[in-house]
Protein backbone atom coordinates (compact mmCIF):
# COMPACT_ATOMS: atom_id res chain seq x y z
CA MET A 1 86.93 61.55 123.55
CA GLY A 2 83.74 63.40 122.62
CA THR A 3 83.46 66.08 119.98
CA GLU A 4 82.97 68.85 122.56
CA THR A 5 86.01 67.74 124.58
CA THR A 6 88.12 67.56 121.42
CA THR A 7 87.07 71.08 120.44
CA VAL A 8 87.94 72.48 123.88
CA ASP A 9 91.29 70.69 123.83
CA SER A 10 92.10 72.05 120.36
CA GLY A 11 91.14 75.53 121.52
CA ARG A 12 93.60 75.31 124.41
CA TRP A 13 96.41 74.31 122.08
CA ARG A 14 95.60 77.19 119.72
CA THR A 15 95.56 79.63 122.64
CA ALA A 16 98.93 78.35 123.86
CA VAL A 17 100.44 78.63 120.38
CA ALA A 18 99.05 82.14 119.89
CA ALA A 19 100.50 83.23 123.25
CA VAL A 20 103.94 81.80 122.48
CA LEU A 21 104.09 83.24 118.96
CA GLY A 22 102.88 86.60 120.28
CA LEU A 23 105.64 86.63 122.89
CA TYR A 24 108.18 85.65 120.25
CA ALA A 25 106.99 88.49 117.98
CA VAL A 26 107.29 91.03 120.79
CA GLY A 27 110.89 89.92 121.24
CA LEU A 28 111.68 90.84 117.62
CA VAL A 29 111.85 94.49 118.63
CA LEU A 30 111.95 94.61 122.43
CA ALA A 31 114.72 92.50 123.95
CA GLU A 32 116.90 89.46 123.35
CA ALA A 33 115.66 87.80 126.55
CA VAL A 34 112.06 87.95 125.28
CA LEU A 35 113.11 86.37 121.98
CA GLN A 36 114.89 83.57 123.82
CA ALA A 37 111.86 82.96 126.04
CA GLY A 38 109.62 82.73 122.97
CA ALA A 39 111.98 80.31 121.24
CA ILE A 40 112.29 78.08 124.31
CA LEU A 41 108.52 77.95 124.81
CA ALA A 42 108.00 77.22 121.11
CA THR A 43 110.44 74.31 121.35
CA ALA A 44 108.69 73.00 124.46
CA LEU A 45 105.29 73.20 122.75
CA ALA A 46 106.63 71.43 119.67
CA LEU A 47 107.94 68.60 121.85
CA ALA A 48 104.58 68.38 123.59
CA LEU A 49 102.79 68.12 120.25
CA ALA A 50 105.18 65.38 119.16
CA VAL A 51 104.83 63.40 122.43
CA THR A 52 101.03 63.60 122.35
CA LYS A 53 101.02 62.57 118.66
CA ARG A 54 99.28 65.75 117.55
CA LEU A 55 102.08 66.76 115.20
CA ARG A 56 101.33 66.42 111.48
CA LEU A 57 104.04 67.70 109.16
CA GLU A 58 104.28 67.72 105.40
CA LYS A 59 107.15 65.73 103.97
CA ASP A 60 109.41 68.68 103.10
CA VAL A 61 108.84 70.37 106.46
CA ARG A 62 109.57 67.13 108.28
CA ALA A 63 112.87 66.85 106.41
CA PHE A 64 113.84 70.38 107.49
CA VAL A 65 112.87 69.65 111.10
CA LEU A 66 114.94 66.46 111.20
CA ALA A 67 117.96 68.23 109.68
CA SER A 68 117.65 71.02 112.26
CA VAL A 69 117.51 68.51 115.12
CA ALA A 70 120.48 66.57 113.72
CA LEU A 71 122.58 69.75 113.48
CA CYS A 72 121.60 70.79 117.00
CA VAL A 73 122.55 67.37 118.39
CA TRP A 74 125.93 67.48 116.65
CA GLN A 75 126.57 71.00 117.98
CA LEU A 76 125.81 69.78 121.50
CA VAL A 77 128.03 66.72 121.13
CA SER A 78 130.91 68.33 119.23
CA PRO A 79 132.71 69.83 122.29
CA ALA A 80 132.97 66.36 123.82
CA VAL A 81 134.32 64.96 120.53
CA ALA A 82 136.82 67.83 120.33
CA LEU A 83 138.01 67.08 123.88
CA LEU A 84 138.43 63.39 123.06
CA THR A 85 140.42 64.12 119.90
CA GLY A 86 142.57 66.80 121.53
CA ALA A 87 141.17 69.60 119.34
CA ALA A 88 139.98 71.42 122.47
CA THR A 89 141.28 71.73 126.01
CA LYS A 90 138.11 72.80 127.81
CA TRP A 91 134.32 72.95 127.54
CA PRO A 92 132.86 76.11 125.98
CA ARG A 93 131.29 78.70 128.26
CA GLY A 94 127.65 78.06 129.03
CA ALA A 95 126.07 81.04 127.23
CA ARG A 96 127.85 80.28 123.97
CA TYR A 97 127.17 76.54 124.24
CA GLY A 98 123.48 77.19 124.85
CA GLN A 99 123.20 78.89 121.47
CA ALA A 100 123.01 75.42 119.94
CA LEU A 101 119.35 75.34 121.00
CA ASP A 102 118.67 78.35 118.73
CA THR A 103 119.27 75.99 115.80
CA VAL A 104 115.90 74.27 116.29
CA ALA A 105 113.84 77.44 116.86
CA GLY A 106 112.71 77.69 113.24
CA ALA A 107 111.72 74.02 113.20
CA ALA A 108 109.81 74.52 116.47
CA VAL A 109 107.82 77.44 115.04
CA ALA A 110 106.99 75.40 111.93
CA CYS A 111 105.77 72.57 114.17
CA ILE A 112 103.53 74.60 116.48
CA GLY A 113 102.24 76.54 113.49
CA THR A 114 100.41 73.40 112.36
CA VAL A 115 97.92 74.10 115.17
CA GLY A 116 97.13 77.51 113.71
CA VAL A 117 98.86 80.87 113.32
CA PRO A 118 97.26 84.18 114.45
CA TRP A 119 98.48 86.05 111.38
CA LEU A 120 96.72 89.37 112.02
CA MET A 121 97.91 89.52 115.63
CA LEU A 122 101.50 88.78 114.66
CA GLY A 123 101.39 91.27 111.80
CA GLY A 124 100.10 94.00 114.12
CA ILE A 125 102.75 93.32 116.77
CA VAL A 126 105.63 93.25 114.30
CA ALA A 127 104.47 96.27 112.26
CA GLY A 128 103.67 98.44 115.27
CA GLY A 129 106.78 97.37 117.14
CA TRP A 130 109.18 97.98 114.28
CA LEU A 131 107.70 101.37 113.41
CA ALA A 132 108.15 102.40 117.04
CA ALA A 133 111.70 100.99 117.02
CA ALA A 134 112.47 102.90 113.83
CA ALA A 135 111.30 106.16 115.42
CA LEU A 136 113.44 105.47 118.49
CA GLY A 137 116.40 104.60 116.27
CA PHE A 138 116.07 107.88 114.38
CA PHE A 139 116.13 109.75 117.71
CA GLN A 140 119.24 107.81 118.76
CA HIS A 141 120.82 108.63 115.41
CA ARG A 142 120.56 112.40 115.86
CA VAL A 143 120.66 112.91 119.64
CA PRO A 144 123.22 111.55 122.15
CA TRP A 145 121.39 108.96 124.23
CA PRO A 146 120.81 110.87 127.51
CA TRP A 147 120.79 108.04 130.08
CA GLU A 148 122.32 104.65 130.77
CA PRO A 149 120.71 101.82 128.78
CA PRO A 150 119.00 99.04 130.76
CA LYS A 151 121.30 96.44 132.27
CA PHE A 152 119.76 93.63 130.18
CA SER A 153 121.17 95.31 127.04
CA LYS A 154 124.73 94.62 128.28
CA LEU A 155 125.88 97.80 126.53
CA ASN A 156 127.74 100.74 127.97
CA LEU A 157 126.89 104.35 127.21
CA SER A 158 130.11 104.98 125.27
CA ARG A 159 128.94 102.64 122.50
CA LEU A 160 125.78 104.71 122.07
CA HIS A 161 127.83 107.90 121.91
CA GLU A 162 130.21 106.60 119.23
CA ASN A 163 130.20 109.28 116.54
CA PHE A 164 130.05 108.04 112.94
CA GLY A 165 129.64 111.56 111.54
CA THR A 166 131.83 114.61 111.93
CA GLU A 167 132.55 116.82 114.94
CA GLU A 168 130.42 119.58 113.41
CA ASN A 169 127.57 117.25 112.44
CA PRO A 170 127.68 114.19 114.70
CA ARG A 171 125.63 111.08 113.91
CA TYR A 172 125.27 108.27 116.38
CA ALA A 173 124.71 104.61 115.52
CA ALA A 174 121.07 103.78 116.25
CA GLY A 175 120.13 100.59 118.06
CA GLY A 176 116.40 100.88 118.73
CA PHE A 177 115.12 98.99 121.74
CA PHE A 178 118.08 96.61 121.49
CA PHE A 179 120.54 99.50 122.07
CA HIS A 180 122.96 97.64 119.81
CA ARG A 181 123.27 98.82 116.23
CA LEU A 182 124.19 95.46 114.63
CA ARG A 183 121.43 93.53 116.40
CA PHE A 184 119.03 96.27 115.35
CA ALA A 185 120.11 96.49 111.71
CA HIS A 186 120.54 92.76 111.09
CA GLY A 187 117.22 91.96 112.77
CA ALA A 188 115.61 94.45 110.40
CA ILE A 189 116.63 92.27 107.45
CA ALA A 190 114.62 89.38 108.89
CA VAL A 191 111.45 91.49 108.97
CA LEU A 192 112.12 93.24 105.66
CA GLY A 193 111.28 90.12 103.62
CA PRO A 194 107.70 89.68 104.94
CA ALA A 195 107.00 93.43 104.58
CA LEU A 196 108.09 93.33 100.93
CA ALA A 197 106.03 90.18 100.33
CA VAL A 198 102.89 91.89 101.64
CA ILE A 199 103.49 94.85 99.31
CA GLY A 200 103.90 92.55 96.33
CA ARG A 201 101.23 89.94 97.04
CA SER A 202 98.55 91.19 99.43
CA LYS A 203 95.21 92.17 97.91
CA VAL A 204 94.27 94.39 100.88
CA THR A 205 95.30 98.01 100.20
CA ARG A 206 95.61 98.99 103.87
CA ARG A 207 98.03 96.16 104.53
CA ARG A 208 100.13 97.12 101.53
CA VAL A 209 100.31 100.74 102.70
CA LEU A 210 101.31 99.67 106.21
CA ALA A 211 103.91 97.30 104.77
CA GLY A 212 105.28 100.14 102.64
CA ALA A 213 105.65 102.32 105.73
CA MET A 214 107.42 99.42 107.44
CA VAL A 215 109.88 98.99 104.58
CA LEU A 216 110.78 102.69 104.72
CA GLY A 217 111.15 102.49 108.50
CA LEU A 218 113.38 99.42 108.25
CA LEU A 219 115.60 101.03 105.62
CA VAL A 220 115.92 104.19 107.72
CA SER A 221 116.79 102.04 110.73
CA ILE A 222 119.58 100.27 108.85
CA TYR A 223 120.84 103.58 107.45
CA ALA A 224 120.91 105.10 110.95
CA ALA A 225 122.78 102.09 112.36
CA PHE A 226 125.71 102.56 109.94
CA ALA A 227 125.68 98.82 109.21
CA ARG A 228 127.35 98.41 105.81
CA ALA A 229 126.58 94.75 105.20
CA ALA A 230 122.99 95.17 106.38
CA LEU A 231 122.41 98.10 104.04
CA GLY A 232 123.83 96.17 101.09
CA ALA A 233 121.71 93.12 101.96
CA ALA A 234 118.61 95.28 102.37
CA LEU A 235 119.04 96.90 98.97
CA GLY A 236 119.65 93.53 97.36
CA VAL A 237 116.52 92.03 98.96
CA CYS A 238 114.43 95.04 97.90
CA VAL A 239 115.59 94.83 94.29
CA LEU A 240 114.96 91.07 94.24
CA ALA A 241 111.44 91.62 95.60
CA LEU A 242 110.72 94.30 93.01
CA LEU A 243 111.85 92.06 90.17
CA LEU A 244 110.08 89.00 91.57
CA LEU A 245 106.75 90.45 92.72
CA LEU A 246 105.98 93.71 90.93
CA ARG A 247 105.45 94.84 87.37
CA GLY A 248 105.03 98.13 85.53
CA THR A 249 104.81 101.43 87.43
CA PRO A 250 105.08 99.97 90.97
CA ARG A 251 108.35 98.28 90.03
CA LYS A 252 109.72 101.50 88.49
CA VAL A 253 108.74 103.53 91.56
CA GLY A 254 110.36 100.97 93.85
CA LEU A 255 113.57 100.92 91.85
CA GLY A 256 113.56 104.72 91.94
CA VAL A 257 113.34 104.68 95.74
CA ALA A 258 116.24 102.20 95.88
CA VAL A 259 118.34 104.45 93.65
CA ALA A 260 117.46 107.47 95.79
CA LEU A 261 118.63 105.64 98.90
CA VAL A 262 121.93 104.74 97.23
CA VAL A 263 122.43 108.39 96.26
CA ALA A 264 121.63 109.51 99.83
CA VAL A 265 124.21 107.08 101.16
CA LEU A 266 126.86 108.22 98.68
CA LEU A 267 126.23 111.87 99.59
CA THR A 268 126.70 111.20 103.32
CA PRO A 269 130.34 111.74 104.33
CA ALA A 270 130.18 109.22 107.18
CA TRP A 271 128.80 106.54 104.87
CA ARG A 272 131.40 107.23 102.18
CA GLU A 273 134.10 106.77 104.79
CA ARG A 274 132.48 103.55 106.01
CA PHE A 275 132.38 102.05 102.54
CA GLY A 276 135.90 103.23 101.83
CA LYS A 277 137.16 101.09 104.70
CA ALA A 278 135.13 98.05 103.68
CA VAL A 279 137.47 96.74 100.98
CA ASP A 280 140.53 96.86 103.22
CA ASN A 281 138.50 95.31 106.03
CA LEU A 282 137.71 92.27 103.91
CA PHE A 283 140.65 91.89 101.56
CA GLY A 284 143.46 93.88 103.11
CA SER A 285 144.77 94.06 106.65
CA GLY A 286 141.41 94.81 108.27
CA GLU A 287 139.62 93.08 111.12
CA ARG A 288 137.47 90.71 109.07
CA SER A 289 140.42 89.64 106.95
CA LEU A 290 142.37 88.76 110.09
CA ALA A 291 139.45 86.90 111.67
CA MET A 292 138.83 84.88 108.50
CA SER A 293 142.51 83.97 108.17
CA VAL A 294 142.50 82.60 111.72
CA GLY A 295 139.30 80.70 110.92
CA TRP A 296 140.96 79.06 107.91
CA ARG A 297 143.89 78.10 110.12
CA LEU A 298 141.54 76.34 112.55
CA VAL A 299 139.84 74.57 109.65
CA ARG A 300 143.15 73.26 108.32
CA GLU A 301 144.19 72.02 111.75
CA HIS A 302 140.83 70.46 112.73
CA THR A 303 139.07 69.71 109.46
CA TRP A 304 136.78 66.82 110.36
CA VAL A 305 135.32 67.50 113.83
CA GLY A 306 136.40 71.08 114.52
CA VAL A 307 137.33 72.61 117.87
CA GLY A 308 133.85 72.11 119.31
CA PHE A 309 130.75 74.27 119.09
CA GLY A 310 131.34 77.49 121.06
CA ASN A 311 135.10 76.97 121.27
CA HIS A 312 136.15 79.32 118.47
CA LYS A 313 137.34 82.06 120.82
CA PRO A 314 139.75 80.02 122.99
CA ALA A 315 141.04 78.19 119.90
CA ALA A 316 141.66 81.46 118.05
CA LEU A 317 143.30 83.10 121.06
CA ALA A 318 145.70 80.17 121.25
CA THR A 319 147.15 81.49 117.97
CA GLN A 320 147.42 85.06 119.25
CA ALA A 321 151.22 85.07 119.53
CA GLU A 322 151.53 84.23 115.83
CA THR A 323 148.47 85.86 114.30
CA GLY A 324 147.89 88.90 116.52
CA ILE A 325 144.17 88.12 116.84
CA THR A 326 142.45 90.28 119.46
CA ASP A 327 140.01 89.18 122.16
CA LEU A 328 137.10 90.80 120.33
CA LEU A 329 137.92 89.39 116.89
CA ALA A 330 138.56 85.88 118.22
CA THR A 331 134.85 85.32 118.89
CA ASP A 332 134.19 83.97 115.39
CA SER A 333 135.51 83.96 111.81
CA HIS A 334 133.07 86.67 110.60
CA ASN A 335 131.51 84.19 108.17
CA LEU A 336 128.75 81.68 108.85
CA TRP A 337 130.20 78.75 106.91
CA LEU A 338 133.80 79.28 107.97
CA THR A 339 132.88 79.57 111.65
CA ALA A 340 130.64 76.49 111.47
CA TRP A 341 133.45 74.51 109.82
CA ALA A 342 136.04 75.67 112.38
CA GLU A 343 133.79 74.84 115.33
CA THR A 344 131.89 71.73 114.22
CA GLY A 345 134.12 70.38 111.47
CA LEU A 346 133.12 69.02 108.11
CA VAL A 347 130.32 67.03 109.76
CA GLY A 348 128.68 70.18 111.10
CA LEU A 349 129.24 72.04 107.84
CA VAL A 350 127.41 69.36 105.85
CA LEU A 351 124.53 69.29 108.34
CA LEU A 352 124.24 73.09 108.22
CA ALA A 353 124.18 73.05 104.42
CA ALA A 354 121.53 70.30 104.44
CA MET A 355 119.34 72.24 106.86
CA HIS A 356 119.47 75.42 104.79
CA PHE A 357 118.96 73.57 101.50
CA LEU A 358 115.88 71.77 102.83
CA LEU A 359 114.50 75.02 104.23
CA ALA A 360 115.01 76.82 100.91
CA ARG A 361 113.36 73.98 98.98
CA ALA A 362 110.30 74.00 101.22
CA LEU A 363 109.98 77.79 101.06
CA VAL A 364 110.31 77.87 97.26
CA ARG A 365 107.52 75.28 96.94
CA ARG A 366 105.18 77.38 99.08
CA HIS A 367 106.18 80.62 97.38
CA ARG A 368 105.21 79.11 94.02
CA ALA A 369 101.88 78.06 95.51
CA GLY A 370 101.15 81.68 96.48
CA SER A 371 102.00 81.77 100.19
CA ILE A 372 102.81 85.32 101.34
CA PRO A 373 104.63 84.14 104.52
CA ALA A 374 106.79 81.79 102.44
CA THR A 375 107.64 84.56 99.98
CA GLY A 376 108.63 86.84 102.85
CA ALA A 377 110.68 84.10 104.49
CA LEU A 378 112.43 83.36 101.20
CA LEU A 379 113.42 87.01 100.78
CA SER A 380 114.69 87.06 104.37
CA PHE A 381 116.60 83.85 103.68
CA VAL A 382 118.44 85.59 100.82
CA GLY A 383 119.23 88.58 103.05
CA PHE A 384 120.51 86.27 105.79
CA HIS A 385 122.98 84.59 103.47
CA VAL A 386 124.25 87.88 102.11
CA LEU A 387 124.95 88.99 105.69
CA ALA A 388 126.42 85.58 106.53
CA LEU A 389 129.27 86.20 104.08
CA VAL A 390 130.76 88.77 106.50
CA HIS A 391 129.05 88.01 109.82
CA TYR A 392 128.49 84.95 111.98
CA LEU A 393 124.86 85.80 112.72
CA PRO A 394 124.15 82.99 115.23
CA PHE A 395 126.53 84.71 117.68
CA HIS A 396 123.74 87.24 118.38
CA PRO A 397 120.63 85.27 119.43
CA SER A 398 118.46 88.34 118.85
CA VAL A 399 119.42 88.24 115.17
CA HIS A 400 119.45 84.48 114.65
CA LEU A 401 116.13 83.93 116.45
CA SER A 402 114.50 86.74 114.42
CA PHE A 403 115.28 84.91 111.20
CA MET A 404 114.22 81.60 112.72
CA LEU A 405 110.77 82.98 113.55
CA ILE A 406 110.26 84.32 110.03
CA TRP A 407 111.48 81.07 108.45
CA GLY A 408 109.31 78.91 110.68
CA LEU A 409 106.23 81.00 109.90
CA GLY A 410 107.07 80.76 106.21
CA LEU A 411 106.54 77.00 106.45
CA CYS A 412 103.08 77.42 107.99
CA GLU A 413 99.90 77.51 105.95
CA ASP A 414 98.08 80.73 105.16
CA GLY A 415 94.77 80.95 103.33
CA VAL A 416 96.21 80.98 99.80
CA TYR A 417 98.61 78.13 100.34
CA SER A 418 95.98 76.05 102.16
CA ALA A 419 93.61 76.36 99.22
CA GLN A 420 96.39 75.40 96.82
CA GLY A 421 97.26 72.43 99.03
CA ARG A 422 93.69 71.19 98.99
CA ARG A 423 93.63 71.35 95.19
CA LEU A 424 96.87 69.39 95.04
CA LYS A 425 95.48 66.73 97.36
CA GLN A 426 92.35 66.41 95.25
CA SER A 427 94.52 65.85 92.17
CA GLY A 428 96.60 63.24 94.01
CA THR A 429 99.91 65.13 93.66
CA SER A 430 100.29 66.50 97.19
CA GLU A 431 103.21 65.54 99.39
CA THR A 432 102.25 63.79 102.62
């Protein structure tokens, strides 16, 4: 193949990757279906790169990719194993079973990112989209949504009119373009990490200002969604970023903003009531406490292979006569690790832990080398695991796939990390 032909061929691959990543980024704020389309196309492109032997991965990224694939395969196989062992009586419903493919989305993004990442385009899409979503969310917070949401949102109007304030001063849970407050608020945590990383590490003032506006918009979005866990995770991620990335006056100003937000929350009657119910919800007789207790019961009964990926709901409902679990609460155990153990057994739990450990290790290495995407992904990773203590995030593909995109991009090279990598190679200490 001649040099000119090779150049044209490489250009086509870069165009395809840019188009797929652009579509994926649009889905971060627009619709779950767009996110899913971006993830599927990214996976298809990654497979094409592997088949045509164009895929070149660093050792730590390759380990993460293999762990992701192994977990996905086990999730796909686990319902059959559960049927054979008697742990399940039927195959999971198709939509829930298909969520196993979301497991490899982050690995797919990391793979196609080796061709090249259009960083400025992605940054513009995500920043512009989330600022627009934040404005829409603020409108939804203060004004009853005046018309039926689109059918693709699968949300009825009564959910948008749920009042979290008082009769005299009503406040409605914002959902942005997703029309669903938890998808909106939890997805904001995924994007919060990169925005904070740009503030702390970018040398371009305009980008830092835009990132600062994004952080404020994301925090307002979470506040308006009345999502307790998301707000706590957001504050934790912000404080971690301030301590990790900033010094002197900028750190003090940032901590002051965080304190001001906490005071604003404490002064809001609706938020005080929300937090007042949180302790009972987790440790008393609340919904999450009930869901987790049923999850532990499933773990004790099916420790090794679980009830099959996607089978948590029918397995939990089978205990309804004794536990009183409701149809809504039976969906999952409201905890990432507990739900994974109940559904995929100890095998799946170990694979999940391996995947996340390998991802964290690879991100930390790149963060130390100066990569802004890796720093942002690492902050988002922390936020994800704070949320995962009280939510099974993979149940909402719009949330899970948002984090997967950010994590996959965190494993891709930017200018700073590439230069560091070249220096390592020249010294003979680079991983291959």
